[in-house]
Protein backbone atom coordinates (compact mmCIF):
# COMPACT_ATOMS: atom_id res chain seq x y z
CA MET A 1 -43.15 -6.31 -4.93
CA GLU A 2 -39.80 -7.64 -6.08
CA GLU A 3 -38.13 -5.88 -8.99
CA GLN A 4 -36.96 -8.16 -11.75
CA PHE A 5 -34.74 -7.62 -14.72
CA VAL A 6 -36.65 -7.91 -17.95
CA ASN A 7 -35.03 -8.59 -21.28
CA LYS A 8 -35.62 -5.45 -23.27
CA PRO A 9 -35.66 -5.59 -27.01
CA GLY A 10 -32.54 -3.99 -28.38
CA LYS A 11 -29.41 -4.54 -30.28
CA THR A 12 -27.65 -7.86 -30.02
CA GLY A 13 -24.60 -9.46 -31.51
CA ILE A 14 -22.17 -7.42 -33.52
CA SER A 15 -24.20 -4.18 -33.51
CA ARG A 16 -24.30 -4.25 -29.70
CA LEU A 17 -20.54 -4.87 -29.62
CA ILE A 18 -19.93 -1.96 -31.98
CA ASP A 19 -22.07 0.36 -29.82
CA ALA A 20 -20.35 -0.80 -26.62
CA THR A 21 -16.95 -0.16 -28.19
CA GLY A 22 -18.04 3.36 -29.11
CA TYR A 23 -19.24 4.05 -25.56
CA SER A 24 -15.97 2.75 -24.14
CA TRP A 25 -13.94 4.89 -26.51
CA ALA A 26 -16.03 7.97 -25.61
CA GLY A 27 -15.39 7.27 -21.91
CA LEU A 28 -11.64 7.01 -22.47
CA ILE A 29 -11.59 10.26 -24.45
CA ALA A 30 -13.69 12.12 -21.86
CA THR A 31 -11.47 10.91 -19.03
CA TRP A 32 -8.32 11.80 -20.99
CA ARG A 33 -9.65 15.33 -21.59
CA ASN A 34 -10.88 15.95 -18.05
CA GLU A 35 -8.57 14.07 -15.69
CA ALA A 36 -4.89 15.02 -15.42
CA ALA A 37 -4.20 11.98 -13.23
CA PHE A 38 -5.48 9.66 -15.98
CA ARG A 39 -3.27 11.37 -18.57
CA GLN A 40 -0.27 10.90 -16.26
CA GLU A 41 -1.09 7.23 -15.69
CA VAL A 42 -1.51 6.55 -19.41
CA SER A 43 1.76 8.36 -20.13
CA LEU A 44 3.55 6.20 -17.57
CA ALA A 45 1.91 3.04 -18.91
CA ILE A 46 3.28 3.80 -22.38
CA PHE A 47 6.77 3.31 -20.87
CA LEU A 48 5.95 0.81 -18.13
CA ILE A 49 4.23 -1.82 -20.28
CA PRO A 50 7.21 -2.25 -22.62
CA ALA A 51 9.48 -2.17 -19.54
CA ALA A 52 7.38 -4.94 -17.99
CA LEU A 53 7.79 -7.05 -21.13
CA TRP A 54 11.55 -6.54 -20.96
CA LEU A 55 12.04 -6.84 -17.18
CA GLY A 56 9.65 -9.69 -16.49
CA GLU A 57 11.51 -13.00 -16.46
CA SER A 58 8.42 -15.15 -16.94
CA GLY A 59 4.94 -14.87 -18.32
CA ILE A 60 3.58 -14.59 -14.79
CA GLU A 61 5.90 -11.71 -13.92
CA ARG A 62 5.06 -9.90 -17.14
CA ALA A 63 1.34 -10.41 -16.56
CA LEU A 64 1.60 -9.10 -12.98
CA LEU A 65 3.63 -6.03 -13.96
CA ILE A 66 1.31 -5.17 -16.84
CA GLY A 67 -1.85 -6.12 -14.94
CA VAL A 68 -1.24 -3.82 -11.97
CA THR A 69 -0.29 -1.00 -14.35
CA LEU A 70 -3.61 -1.39 -16.16
CA LEU A 71 -5.45 -1.80 -12.85
CA VAL A 72 -4.40 1.71 -11.78
CA MET A 73 -5.98 3.10 -14.94
CA ILE A 74 -9.13 1.03 -14.46
CA VAL A 75 -9.56 2.32 -10.90
CA GLU A 76 -8.92 5.89 -12.10
CA LEU A 77 -11.66 5.48 -14.73
CA LEU A 78 -14.11 4.24 -12.08
CA ASN A 79 -13.12 7.09 -9.74
CA SER A 80 -13.71 9.58 -12.55
CA ALA A 81 -17.14 8.05 -13.19
CA VAL A 82 -18.09 8.40 -9.51
CA GLU A 83 -16.90 12.01 -9.48
CA ALA A 84 -18.89 12.82 -12.63
CA VAL A 85 -22.08 11.35 -11.18
CA VAL A 86 -21.64 13.18 -7.87
CA ASP A 87 -20.99 16.46 -9.68
CA ARG A 88 -24.00 15.87 -11.94
CA VAL A 89 -26.36 15.22 -9.04
CA SER A 90 -25.55 18.44 -7.22
CA ALA A 91 -22.96 21.18 -7.06
CA GLU A 92 -23.68 21.79 -3.37
CA LYS A 93 -21.31 20.36 -0.81
CA HIS A 94 -22.77 17.37 0.96
CA PRO A 95 -21.19 14.90 3.39
CA LEU A 96 -22.23 11.90 1.24
CA SER A 97 -20.72 13.51 -1.86
CA LYS A 98 -17.46 13.97 0.02
CA ILE A 99 -17.51 10.34 1.17
CA ALA A 100 -18.11 9.12 -2.40
CA LYS A 101 -15.29 11.22 -3.83
CA ASP A 102 -12.88 10.43 -0.98
CA THR A 103 -13.62 6.72 -1.27
CA GLY A 104 -12.88 6.79 -5.00
CA SER A 105 -9.64 8.61 -4.28
CA ALA A 106 -8.74 6.01 -1.65
CA ALA A 107 -9.33 3.25 -4.20
CA VAL A 108 -6.88 4.95 -6.57
CA SER A 109 -4.34 5.28 -3.75
CA ILE A 110 -4.63 1.60 -2.85
CA SER A 111 -4.24 0.59 -6.51
CA LEU A 112 -1.06 2.71 -6.66
CA LEU A 113 0.21 1.04 -3.48
CA LEU A 114 -0.50 -2.36 -5.07
CA TRP A 115 1.37 -1.23 -8.19
CA LEU A 116 4.39 -0.12 -6.15
CA THR A 117 4.38 -3.30 -4.06
CA THR A 118 4.11 -5.59 -7.09
CA TRP A 119 6.85 -3.88 -9.07
CA GLY A 120 9.02 -3.71 -5.95
CA CYS A 121 8.56 -7.37 -5.01
CA ILE A 122 9.44 -8.50 -8.53
CA LEU A 123 12.30 -6.12 -9.35
CA LEU A 124 14.01 -5.14 -6.09
CA PRO A 125 15.39 -8.62 -5.26
CA ARG A 126 17.29 -8.51 -8.56
CA TRP A 127 18.98 -5.23 -7.73
CA ILE A 128 19.54 -5.59 -3.97
CA PRO A 129 21.83 -8.46 -3.03
């Protein structure tokens, strides 16, 4: 038998949007409190986003510099969610738990590499003749 999604009665419109905003805010606060890496990334973004606005010479450059900065935080949030679920399921060490956590960590590393590459490709040609 094929499982289908069924429209469940629930909140719609503005009340749904208000609830979703509250859930998002709670997720940001929980990650801020529990993940040092997220706090570091947010702290850097506080300086990097204004720097991107100043250093970017076009709207595209500004969007790329800001976008990859935000992407690092997005990937960190997803990694934190994976870690929370794995830790919730079981405290015992399991090879699949390790794979899940290591894969999330790898995603963060790749997003940081993308951040470094993007900022480098845009800014280095201006400083290196």
